[in-house]
């Protein structure tokens, strides 16, 4: 899942210049003029506005939703935890030991 997510984010960054961030106002980048018929949330905080035949019209990045997505993914082992580990499962046993010893 994280390889697909990372690949998608690279593609969005290269095609629109939008970089995921956790603060600020939502950012929109219009790729082509016209009316989108559907909006697809491919990753929390990242919306793709598409035509009926799946042509990309606009990309919207919502920093608040992105932050929530990153926090949620850190719980299941994707992303970064509060100590900077890129995979929470790296510190999984340490978290349990700490919880048992320190209540």
PDB file of N, CA and C in Angstrom:
ATOM      1  N   UNK A   1       0.814  -1.196   0.000  1.00  0.00           N
ATOM      2  CA  UNK A   1       0.000   0.000   0.000  1.00  0.00           C
ATOM      3  C   UNK A   1       0.857   1.260   0.000  1.00  0.00           C
ATOM      4  N   UNK A   2       1.910   1.284   0.804  1.00  0.00           N
ATOM      5  CA  UNK A   2       2.700   2.515   0.863  1.00  0.00           C
ATOM      6  C   UNK A   2       3.444   2.778  -0.441  1.00  0.00           C
ATOM      7  N   UNK A   3       3.814   1.738  -1.188  1.00  0.00           N
ATOM      8  CA  UNK A   3       4.475   1.947  -2.485  1.00  0.00           C
ATOM      9  C   UNK A   3       3.519   2.602  -3.467  1.00  0.00           C
ATOM     10  N   UNK A   4       2.267   2.151  -3.475  1.00  0.00           N
ATOM     11  CA  UNK A   4       1.252   2.734  -4.350  1.00  0.00           C
ATOM     12  C   UNK A   4       0.995   4.180  -3.936  1.00  0.00           C
ATOM     13  N   UNK A   5       0.856   4.410  -2.630  1.00  0.00           N
ATOM     14  CA  UNK A   5       0.620   5.760  -2.097  1.00  0.00           C
ATOM     15  C   UNK A   5       1.771   6.690  -2.460  1.00  0.00           C
ATOM     16  N   UNK A   6       2.995   6.252  -2.243  1.00  0.00           N
ATOM     17  CA  UNK A   6       4.166   7.072  -2.557  1.00  0.00           C
ATOM     18  C   UNK A   6       4.258   7.365  -4.052  1.00  0.00           C
ATOM     19  N   UNK A   7       3.975   6.367  -4.879  1.00  0.00           N
ATOM     20  CA  UNK A   7       3.992   6.566  -6.330  1.00  0.00           C
ATOM     21  C   UNK A   7       2.938   7.562  -6.778  1.00  0.00           C
ATOM     22  N   UNK A   8       1.774   7.469  -6.198  1.00  0.00           N
ATOM     23  CA  UNK A   8       0.704   8.404  -6.527  1.00  0.00           C
ATOM     24  C   UNK A   8       1.070   9.824  -6.122  1.00  0.00           C
ATOM     25  N   UNK A   9       1.652   9.988  -4.944  1.00  0.00           N
ATOM     26  CA  UNK A   9       2.049  11.317  -4.482  1.00  0.00           C
ATOM     27  C   UNK A   9       3.146  11.912  -5.358  1.00  0.00           C
ATOM     28  N   UNK A  10       4.089  11.080  -5.805  1.00  0.00           N
ATOM     29  CA  UNK A  10       5.135  11.556  -6.721  1.00  0.00           C
ATOM     30  C   UNK A  10       4.527  12.029  -8.027  1.00  0.00           C
ATOM     31  N   UNK A  11       3.574  11.268  -8.524  1.00  0.00           N
ATOM     32  CA  UNK A  11       2.908  11.626  -9.774  1.00  0.00           C
ATOM     33  C   UNK A  11       2.167  12.957  -9.636  1.00  0.00           C
ATOM     34  N   UNK A  12       1.440  13.129  -8.541  1.00  0.00           N
ATOM     35  CA  UNK A  12       0.715  14.389  -8.314  1.00  0.00           C
ATOM     36  C   UNK A  12       1.697  15.542  -8.185  1.00  0.00           C
ATOM     37  N   UNK A  13       2.772  15.334  -7.438  1.00  0.00           N
ATOM     38  CA  UNK A  13       3.778  16.389  -7.238  1.00  0.00           C
ATOM     39  C   UNK A  13       4.403  16.810  -8.560  1.00  0.00           C
ATOM     40  N   UNK A  14       4.745  15.841  -9.409  1.00  0.00           N
ATOM     41  CA  UNK A  14       5.376  16.164 -10.693  1.00  0.00           C
ATOM     42  C   UNK A  14       4.403  16.819 -11.661  1.00  0.00           C
ATOM     43  N   UNK A  15       3.162  16.382 -11.655  1.00  0.00           N
ATOM     44  CA  UNK A  15       2.219  16.907 -12.638  1.00  0.00           C
ATOM     45  C   UNK A  15       1.578  18.234 -12.235  1.00  0.00           C
ATOM     46  N   UNK A  16       1.482  18.508 -10.920  1.00  0.00           N
ATOM     47  CA  UNK A  16       0.793  19.721 -10.479  1.00  0.00           C
ATOM     48  C   UNK A  16       1.662  20.666  -9.658  1.00  0.00           C
ATOM     49  N   UNK A  17       2.749  20.167  -9.105  1.00  0.00           N
ATOM     50  CA  UNK A  17       3.578  20.990  -8.226  1.00  0.00           C
ATOM     51  C   UNK A  17       3.075  21.033  -6.800  1.00  0.00           C
ATOM     52  N   UNK A  18       1.943  20.366  -6.524  1.00  0.00           N
ATOM     53  CA  UNK A  18       1.390  20.348  -5.168  1.00  0.00           C
ATOM     54  C   UNK A  18       2.194  19.382  -4.313  1.00  0.00           C
ATOM     55  N   UNK A  19       2.663  19.880  -3.173  1.00  0.00           N
ATOM     56  CA  UNK A  19       3.379  19.042  -2.209  1.00  0.00           C
ATOM     57  C   UNK A  19       2.498  18.858  -0.984  1.00  0.00           C
ATOM     58  N   UNK A  20       2.338  17.624  -0.523  1.00  0.00           N
ATOM     59  CA  UNK A  20       1.538  17.397   0.680  1.00  0.00           C
ATOM     60  C   UNK A  20       2.121  18.154   1.872  1.00  0.00           C
ATOM     61  N   UNK A  21       1.248  18.792   2.639  1.00  0.00           N
ATOM     62  CA  UNK A  21       1.669  19.496   3.845  1.00  0.00           C
ATOM     63  C   UNK A  21       0.558  19.378   4.866  1.00  0.00           C
ATOM     64  N   UNK A  22       0.899  19.601   6.131  1.00  0.00           N
ATOM     65  CA  UNK A  22      -0.057  19.371   7.210  1.00  0.00           C
ATOM     66  C   UNK A  22      -0.652  20.651   7.784  1.00  0.00           C
ATOM     67  N   UNK A  23      -0.275  21.812   7.265  1.00  0.00           N
ATOM     68  CA  UNK A  23      -0.829  23.074   7.748  1.00  0.00           C
ATOM     69  C   UNK A  23      -1.198  23.964   6.572  1.00  0.00           C
ATOM     70  N   UNK A  24      -2.029  24.943   6.841  1.00  0.00           N
ATOM     71  CA  UNK A  24      -2.400  25.895   5.806  1.00  0.00           C
ATOM     72  C   UNK A  24      -3.777  25.628   5.231  1.00  0.00           C
ATOM     73  N   UNK A  25      -4.105  26.380   4.204  1.00  0.00           N
ATOM     74  CA  UNK A  25      -5.398  26.270   3.543  1.00  0.00           C
ATOM     75  C   UNK A  25      -5.312  25.242   2.418  1.00  0.00           C
ATOM     76  N   UNK A  26      -6.462  24.672   2.052  1.00  0.00           N
ATOM     77  CA  UNK A  26      -6.479  23.761   0.903  1.00  0.00           C
ATOM     78  C   UNK A  26      -5.966  24.447  -0.366  1.00  0.00           C
ATOM     79  N   UNK A  27      -5.285  23.687  -1.199  1.00  0.00           N
ATOM     80  CA  UNK A  27      -4.708  24.203  -2.440  1.00  0.00           C
ATOM     81  C   UNK A  27      -5.346  23.464  -3.609  1.00  0.00           C
ATOM     82  N   UNK A  28      -5.697  24.219  -4.649  1.00  0.00           N
ATOM     83  CA  UNK A  28      -6.240  23.613  -5.856  1.00  0.00           C
ATOM     84  C   UNK A  28      -5.341  23.920  -7.039  1.00  0.00           C
ATOM     85  N   UNK A  29      -5.197  22.954  -7.898  1.00  0.00           N
ATOM     86  CA  UNK A  29      -4.430  23.133  -9.133  1.00  0.00           C
ATOM     87  C   UNK A  29      -5.305  22.654 -10.282  1.00  0.00           C
ATOM     88  N   UNK A  30      -5.656  23.577 -11.176  1.00  0.00           N
ATOM     89  CA  UNK A  30      -6.461  23.231 -12.342  1.00  0.00           C
ATOM     90  C   UNK A  30      -5.531  22.684 -13.413  1.00  0.00           C
ATOM     91  N   UNK A  31      -5.826  21.488 -13.869  1.00  0.00           N
ATOM     92  CA  UNK A  31      -5.020  20.833 -14.898  1.00  0.00           C
ATOM     93  C   UNK A  31      -5.553  21.191 -16.278  1.00  0.00           C
ATOM     94  N   UNK A  32      -6.874  21.222 -16.413  1.00  0.00           N
ATOM     95  CA  UNK A  32      -7.512  21.615 -17.672  1.00  0.00           C
ATOM     96  C   UNK A  32      -8.866  22.217 -17.370  1.00  0.00           C
ATOM     97  N   UNK A  33      -9.302  23.091 -18.228  1.00  0.00           N
ATOM     98  CA  UNK A  33     -10.595  23.764 -18.033  1.00  0.00           C
ATOM     99  C   UNK A  33     -11.723  22.799 -18.359  1.00  0.00           C
ATOM    100  N   UNK A  34     -12.837  23.003 -17.712  1.00  0.00           N
ATOM    101  CA  UNK A  34     -14.005  22.169 -17.959  1.00  0.00           C
ATOM    102  C   UNK A  34     -14.680  21.808 -16.656  1.00  0.00           C
ATOM    103  N   UNK A  35     -15.702  20.994 -16.777  1.00  0.00           N
ATOM    104  CA  UNK A  35     -16.510  20.604 -15.623  1.00  0.00           C
ATOM    105  C   UNK A  35     -16.207  19.164 -15.225  1.00  0.00           C
ATOM    106  N   UNK A  36     -15.857  18.980 -13.961  1.00  0.00           N
ATOM    107  CA  UNK A  36     -15.614  17.634 -13.448  1.00  0.00           C
ATOM    108  C   UNK A  36     -16.945  17.002 -13.074  1.00  0.00           C
ATOM    109  N   UNK A  37     -17.097  15.721 -13.357  1.00  0.00           N
ATOM    110  CA  UNK A  37     -18.346  15.035 -13.040  1.00  0.00           C
ATOM    111  C   UNK A  37     -18.236  14.182 -11.784  1.00  0.00           C
ATOM    112  N   UNK A  38     -17.022  13.959 -11.320  1.00  0.00           N
ATOM    113  CA  UNK A  38     -16.842  13.174 -10.096  1.00  0.00           C
ATOM    114  C   UNK A  38     -15.578  13.605  -9.380  1.00  0.00           C
ATOM    115  N   UNK A  39     -15.589  13.396  -8.075  1.00  0.00           N
ATOM    116  CA  UNK A  39     -14.422  13.681  -7.244  1.00  0.00           C
ATOM    117  C   UNK A  39     -14.043  12.400  -6.532  1.00  0.00           C
ATOM    118  N   UNK A  40     -12.764  12.061  -6.616  1.00  0.00           N
ATOM    119  CA  UNK A  40     -12.279  10.824  -6.026  1.00  0.00           C
ATOM    120  C   UNK A  40     -11.203  11.143  -5.004  1.00  0.00           C
ATOM    121  N   UNK A  41     -11.382  10.634  -3.784  1.00  0.00           N
ATOM    122  CA  UNK A  41     -10.365  10.780  -2.744  1.00  0.00           C
ATOM    123  C   UNK A  41      -9.453   9.568  -2.831  1.00  0.00           C
ATOM    124  N   UNK A  42      -8.292   9.731  -3.426  1.00  0.00           N
ATOM    125  CA  UNK A  42      -7.390   8.598  -3.627  1.00  0.00           C
ATOM    126  C   UNK A  42      -6.522   8.347  -2.408  1.00  0.00           C
ATOM    127  N   UNK A  43      -6.220   9.393  -1.673  1.00  0.00           N
ATOM    128  CA  UNK A  43      -5.489   9.337  -0.409  1.00  0.00           C
ATOM    129  C   UNK A  43      -6.116  10.425   0.452  1.00  0.00           C
ATOM    130  N   UNK A  44      -6.252  10.176   1.749  1.00  0.00           N
ATOM    131  CA  UNK A  44      -6.852  11.187   2.610  1.00  0.00           C
ATOM    132  C   UNK A  44      -6.233  12.557   2.399  1.00  0.00           C
ATOM    133  N   UNK A  45      -7.053  13.542   2.079  1.00  0.00           N
ATOM    134  CA  UNK A  45      -6.563  14.888   1.859  1.00  0.00           C
ATOM    135  C   UNK A  45      -6.231  15.210   0.418  1.00  0.00           C
ATOM    136  N   UNK A  46      -6.240  14.223  -0.450  1.00  0.00           N
ATOM    137  CA  UNK A  46      -5.903  14.433  -1.855  1.00  0.00           C
ATOM    138  C   UNK A  46      -7.094  14.035  -2.717  1.00  0.00           C
ATOM    139  N   UNK A  47      -7.706  15.029  -3.336  1.00  0.00           N
ATOM    140  CA  UNK A  47      -8.879  14.793  -4.171  1.00  0.00           C
ATOM    141  C   UNK A  47      -8.546  14.994  -5.636  1.00  0.00           C
ATOM    142  N   UNK A  48      -8.999  14.080  -6.465  1.00  0.00           N
ATOM    143  CA  UNK A  48      -8.867  14.212  -7.913  1.00  0.00           C
ATOM    144  C   UNK A  48     -10.253  14.499  -8.471  1.00  0.00           C
ATOM    145  N   UNK A  49     -10.375  15.550  -9.254  1.00  0.00           N
ATOM    146  CA  UNK A  49     -11.634  15.921  -9.896  1.00  0.00           C
ATOM    147  C   UNK A  49     -11.545  15.433 -11.338  1.00  0.00           C
ATOM    148  N   UNK A  50     -12.444  14.525 -11.716  1.00  0.00           N
ATOM    149  CA  UNK A  50     -12.369  13.836 -13.005  1.00  0.00           C
ATOM    150  C   UNK A  50     -13.604  14.073 -13.853  1.00  0.00           C
ATOM    151  N   UNK A  51     -13.429  13.936 -15.162  1.00  0.00           N
ATOM    152  CA  UNK A  51     -14.571  13.967 -16.080  1.00  0.00           C
ATOM    153  C   UNK A  51     -15.201  12.577 -16.088  1.00  0.00           C
ATOM    154  N   UNK A  52     -16.291  12.441 -16.829  1.00  0.00           N
ATOM    155  CA  UNK A  52     -16.968  11.151 -16.937  1.00  0.00           C
ATOM    156  C   UNK A  52     -16.090  10.078 -17.545  1.00  0.00           C
ATOM    157  N   UNK A  53     -15.137  10.468 -18.403  1.00  0.00           N
ATOM    158  CA  UNK A  53     -14.237   9.487 -19.018  1.00  0.00           C
ATOM    159  C   UNK A  53     -12.857   9.484 -18.327  1.00  0.00           C
ATOM    160  N   UNK A  54     -12.840   9.898 -17.055  1.00  0.00           N
ATOM    161  CA  UNK A  54     -11.673   9.823 -16.176  1.00  0.00           C
ATOM    162  C   UNK A  54     -10.493  10.705 -16.571  1.00  0.00           C
ATOM    163  N   UNK A  55     -10.748  11.805 -17.238  1.00  0.00           N
ATOM    164  CA  UNK A  55      -9.678  12.766 -17.508  1.00  0.00           C
ATOM    165  C   UNK A  55      -9.552  13.679 -16.298  1.00  0.00           C
ATOM    166  N   UNK A  56      -8.322  13.959 -15.911  1.00  0.00           N
ATOM    167  CA  UNK A  56      -8.065  14.780 -14.736  1.00  0.00           C
ATOM    168  C   UNK A  56      -8.320  16.243 -15.047  1.00  0.00           C
ATOM    169  N   UNK A  57      -9.164  16.869 -14.228  1.00  0.00           N
ATOM    170  CA  UNK A  57      -9.491  18.280 -14.408  1.00  0.00           C
ATOM    171  C   UNK A  57      -8.782  19.154 -13.370  1.00  0.00           C
ATOM    172  N   UNK A  58      -8.768  18.687 -12.126  1.00  0.00           N
ATOM    173  CA  UNK A  58      -8.245  19.502 -11.040  1.00  0.00           C
ATOM    174  C   UNK A  58      -7.804  18.585  -9.896  1.00  0.00           C
ATOM    175  N   UNK A  59      -6.816  19.044  -9.132  1.00  0.00           N
ATOM    176  CA  UNK A  59      -6.344  18.329  -7.950  1.00  0.00           C
ATOM    177  C   UNK A  59      -6.496  19.275  -6.759  1.00  0.00           C
ATOM    178  N   UNK A  60      -7.041  18.760  -5.664  1.00  0.00           N
ATOM    179  CA  UNK A  60      -7.188  19.545  -4.447  1.00  0.00           C
ATOM    180  C   UNK A  60      -6.444  18.839  -3.317  1.00  0.00           C
ATOM    181  N   UNK A  61      -5.620  19.616  -2.599  1.00  0.00           N
ATOM    182  CA  UNK A  61      -4.869  19.095  -1.449  1.00  0.00           C
ATOM    183  C   UNK A  61      -5.378  19.796  -0.203  1.00  0.00           C
ATOM    184  N   UNK A  62      -5.928  19.028   0.751  1.00  0.00           N
ATOM    185  CA  UNK A  62      -6.427  19.574   2.010  1.00  0.00           C
ATOM    186  C   UNK A  62      -5.455  19.191   3.129  1.00  0.00           C
ATOM    187  N   UNK A  63      -4.664  20.149   3.630  1.00  0.00           N
ATOM    188  CA  UNK A  63      -3.656  19.857   4.651  1.00  0.00           C
ATOM    189  C   UNK A  63      -4.220  19.238   5.926  1.00  0.00           C
ATOM    190  N   UNK A  64      -5.404  19.662   6.353  1.00  0.00           N
ATOM    191  CA  UNK A  64      -5.989  19.102   7.581  1.00  0.00           C
ATOM    192  C   UNK A  64      -6.285  17.619   7.402  1.00  0.00           C
ATOM    193  N   UNK A  65      -6.916  17.270   6.280  1.00  0.00           N
ATOM    194  CA  UNK A  65      -7.210  15.865   6.007  1.00  0.00           C
ATOM    195  C   UNK A  65      -5.926  15.049   5.809  1.00  0.00           C
ATOM    196  N   UNK A  66      -4.918  15.665   5.204  1.00  0.00           N
ATOM    197  CA  UNK A  66      -3.627  14.997   5.013  1.00  0.00           C
ATOM    198  C   UNK A  66      -2.999  14.655   6.372  1.00  0.00           C
ATOM    199  N   UNK A  67      -3.057  15.593   7.303  1.00  0.00           N
ATOM    200  CA  UNK A  67      -2.512  15.379   8.643  1.00  0.00           C
ATOM    201  C   UNK A  67      -3.224  14.212   9.329  1.00  0.00           C
ATOM    202  N   UNK A  68      -4.553  14.197   9.229  1.00  0.00           N
ATOM    203  CA  UNK A  68      -5.317  13.092   9.816  1.00  0.00           C
ATOM    204  C   UNK A  68      -4.950  11.754   9.177  1.00  0.00           C
ATOM    205  N   UNK A  69      -4.770  11.754   7.867  1.00  0.00           N
ATOM    206  CA  UNK A  69      -4.389  10.530   7.148  1.00  0.00           C
ATOM    207  C   UNK A  69      -3.033  10.036   7.629  1.00  0.00           C
ATOM    208  N   UNK A  70      -2.065  10.933   7.782  1.00  0.00           N
ATOM    209  CA  UNK A  70      -0.731  10.548   8.239  1.00  0.00           C
ATOM    210  C   UNK A  70      -0.773   9.977   9.654  1.00  0.00           C
ATOM    211  N   UNK A  71      -1.578  10.584  10.518  1.00  0.00           N
ATOM    212  CA  UNK A  71      -1.711  10.082  11.885  1.00  0.00           C
ATOM    213  C   UNK A  71      -2.337   8.700  11.881  1.00  0.00           C
ATOM    214  N   UNK A  72      -3.362   8.504  11.075  1.00  0.00           N
ATOM    215  CA  UNK A  72      -4.025   7.203  11.004  1.00  0.00           C
ATOM    216  C   UNK A  72      -3.084   6.131  10.465  1.00  0.00           C
ATOM    217  N   UNK A  73      -2.324   6.467   9.430  1.00  0.00           N
ATOM    218  CA  UNK A  73      -1.420   5.483   8.844  1.00  0.00           C
ATOM    219  C   UNK A  73      -0.264   5.134   9.780  1.00  0.00           C
ATOM    220  N   UNK A  74       0.140   6.061  10.634  1.00  0.00           N
ATOM    221  CA  UNK A  74       1.238   5.747  11.559  1.00  0.00           C
ATOM    222  C   UNK A  74       0.812   4.679  12.558  1.00  0.00           C
ATOM    223  N   UNK A  75      -0.477   4.587  12.845  1.00  0.00           N
ATOM    224  CA  UNK A  75      -0.986   3.578  13.778  1.00  0.00           C
ATOM    225  C   UNK A  75      -0.866   2.182  13.180  1.00  0.00           C
ATOM    226  N   UNK A  76      -1.078   2.054  11.885  1.00  0.00           N
ATOM    227  CA  UNK A  76      -1.038   0.737  11.255  1.00  0.00           C
ATOM    228  C   UNK A  76       0.311   0.402  10.640  1.00  0.00           C
ATOM    229  N   UNK A  77       1.295   1.257  10.861  1.00  0.00           N
ATOM    230  CA  UNK A  77       2.643   0.922  10.417  1.00  0.00           C
ATOM    231  C   UNK A  77       3.073   1.536   9.113  1.00  0.00           C
ATOM    232  N   UNK A  78       2.340   2.529   8.626  1.00  0.00           N
ATOM    233  CA  UNK A  78       2.725   3.233   7.409  1.00  0.00           C
ATOM    234  C   UNK A  78       2.894   4.694   7.780  1.00  0.00           C
ATOM    235  N   UNK A  79       3.945   5.299   7.362  1.00  0.00           N
ATOM    236  CA  UNK A  79       4.178   6.691   7.713  1.00  0.00           C
ATOM    237  C   UNK A  79       5.191   6.809   8.836  1.00  0.00           C
ATOM    238  N   UNK A  80       5.116   7.887   9.592  1.00  0.00           N
ATOM    239  CA  UNK A  80       6.074   8.142  10.670  1.00  0.00           C
ATOM    240  C   UNK A  80       5.346   8.222  12.000  1.00  0.00           C
ATOM    241  N   UNK A  81       5.986   7.722  13.040  1.00  0.00           N
ATOM    242  CA  UNK A  81       5.407   7.867  14.367  1.00  0.00           C
ATOM    243  C   UNK A  81       5.995   9.093  15.045  1.00  0.00           C
ATOM    244  N   UNK A  82       5.622   9.319  16.287  1.00  0.00           N
ATOM    245  CA  UNK A  82       6.059  10.543  16.976  1.00  0.00           C
ATOM    246  C   UNK A  82       7.561  10.581  17.219  1.00  0.00           C
ATOM    247  N   UNK A  83       8.240   9.428  17.215  1.00  0.00           N
ATOM    248  CA  UNK A  83       9.682   9.385  17.427  1.00  0.00           C
ATOM    249  C   UNK A  83      10.471   9.433  16.127  1.00  0.00           C
ATOM    250  N   UNK A  84       9.776   9.533  14.998  1.00  0.00           N
ATOM    251  CA  UNK A  84      10.452   9.662  13.715  1.00  0.00           C
ATOM    252  C   UNK A  84      10.667   8.363  12.963  1.00  0.00           C
ATOM    253  N   UNK A  85      10.270   7.226  13.559  1.00  0.00           N
ATOM    254  CA  UNK A  85      10.431   5.954  12.848  1.00  0.00           C
ATOM    255  C   UNK A  85       9.525   5.966  11.627  1.00  0.00           C
ATOM    256  N   UNK A  86      10.011   5.486  10.499  1.00  0.00           N
ATOM    257  CA  UNK A  86       9.210   5.491   9.279  1.00  0.00           C
ATOM    258  C   UNK A  86       8.208   4.354   9.262  1.00  0.00           C
ATOM    259  N   UNK A  87       8.352   3.407  10.143  1.00  0.00           N
ATOM    260  CA  UNK A  87       7.411   2.299  10.235  1.00  0.00           C
ATOM    261  C   UNK A  87       7.159   2.037  11.716  1.00  0.00           C
ATOM    262  N   UNK A  88       5.939   2.251  12.157  1.00  0.00           N
ATOM    263  CA  UNK A  88       5.618   2.098  13.569  1.00  0.00           C
ATOM    264  C   UNK A  88       5.923   0.687  14.044  1.00  0.00           C
ATOM    265  N   UNK A  89       5.822  -0.299  13.176  1.00  0.00           N
ATOM    266  CA  UNK A  89       6.080  -1.666  13.589  1.00  0.00           C
ATOM    267  C   UNK A  89       7.528  -1.866  14.045  1.00  0.00           C
ATOM    268  N   UNK A  90       8.427  -0.957  13.630  1.00  0.00           N
ATOM    269  CA  UNK A  90       9.814  -1.028  14.089  1.00  0.00           C
ATOM    270  C   UNK A  90       9.871  -0.888  15.606  1.00  0.00           C
ATOM    271  N   UNK A  91       9.024  -0.015  16.159  1.00  0.00           N
ATOM    272  CA  UNK A  91       8.995   0.233  17.598  1.00  0.00           C
ATOM    273  C   UNK A  91       7.844  -0.479  18.305  1.00  0.00           C
ATOM    274  N   UNK A  92       7.153  -1.366  17.623  1.00  0.00           N
ATOM    275  CA  UNK A  92       5.967  -2.023  18.148  1.00  0.00           C
ATOM    276  C   UNK A  92       6.193  -2.629  19.526  1.00  0.00           C
ATOM    277  N   UNK A  93       7.205  -3.469  19.684  1.00  0.00           N
ATOM    278  CA  UNK A  93       7.463  -4.132  20.963  1.00  0.00           C
ATOM    279  C   UNK A  93       7.853  -3.128  22.043  1.00  0.00           C
ATOM    280  N   UNK A  94       8.618  -2.122  21.663  1.00  0.00           N
ATOM    281  CA  UNK A  94       9.009  -1.099  22.637  1.00  0.00           C
ATOM    282  C   UNK A  94       7.791  -0.366  23.194  1.00  0.00           C
ATOM    283  N   UNK A  95       6.797  -0.117  22.354  1.00  0.00           N
ATOM    284  CA  UNK A  95       5.588   0.556  22.824  1.00  0.00           C
ATOM    285  C   UNK A  95       4.865  -0.292  23.872  1.00  0.00           C
ATOM    286  N   UNK A  96       4.780  -1.606  23.631  1.00  0.00           N
ATOM    287  CA  UNK A  96       4.119  -2.481  24.585  1.00  0.00           C
ATOM    288  C   UNK A  96       4.886  -2.557  25.898  1.00  0.00           C
ATOM    289  N   UNK A  97       6.194  -2.684  25.828  1.00  0.00           N
ATOM    290  CA  UNK A  97       7.019  -2.737  27.046  1.00  0.00           C
ATOM    291  C   UNK A  97       6.856  -1.442  27.825  1.00  0.00           C
ATOM    292  N   UNK A  98       6.898  -0.318  27.151  1.00  0.00           N
ATOM    293  CA  UNK A  98       6.744   0.982  27.807  1.00  0.00           C
ATOM    294  C   UNK A  98       5.379   1.098  28.470  1.00  0.00           C
ATOM    295  N   UNK A  99       4.335   0.638  27.776  1.00  0.00           N
ATOM    296  CA  UNK A  99       2.980   0.702  28.344  1.00  0.00           C
ATOM    297  C   UNK A  99       2.839  -0.199  29.562  1.00  0.00           C
ATOM    298  N   UNK A 100       3.464  -1.371  29.533  1.00  0.00           N
ATOM    299  CA  UNK A 100       3.376  -2.296  30.657  1.00  0.00           C
ATOM    300  C   UNK A 100       4.162  -1.761  31.864  1.00  0.00           C
ATOM    301  N   UNK A 101       5.360  -1.249  31.620  1.00  0.00           N
ATOM    302  CA  UNK A 101       6.201  -0.765  32.714  1.00  0.00           C
ATOM    303  C   UNK A 101       5.723   0.563  33.305  1.00  0.00           C
ATOM    304  N   UNK A 102       5.201   1.426  32.448  1.00  0.00           N
ATOM    305  CA  UNK A 102       4.827   2.775  32.913  1.00  0.00           C
ATOM    306  C   UNK A 102       3.323   2.996  33.027  1.00  0.00           C
ATOM    307  N   UNK A 103       2.571   1.959  32.782  1.00  0.00           N
ATOM    308  CA  UNK A 103       1.114   2.055  32.948  1.00  0.00           C
ATOM    309  C   UNK A 103       0.491   2.888  31.955  1.00  0.00           C
TER     310      UNK A 103
END
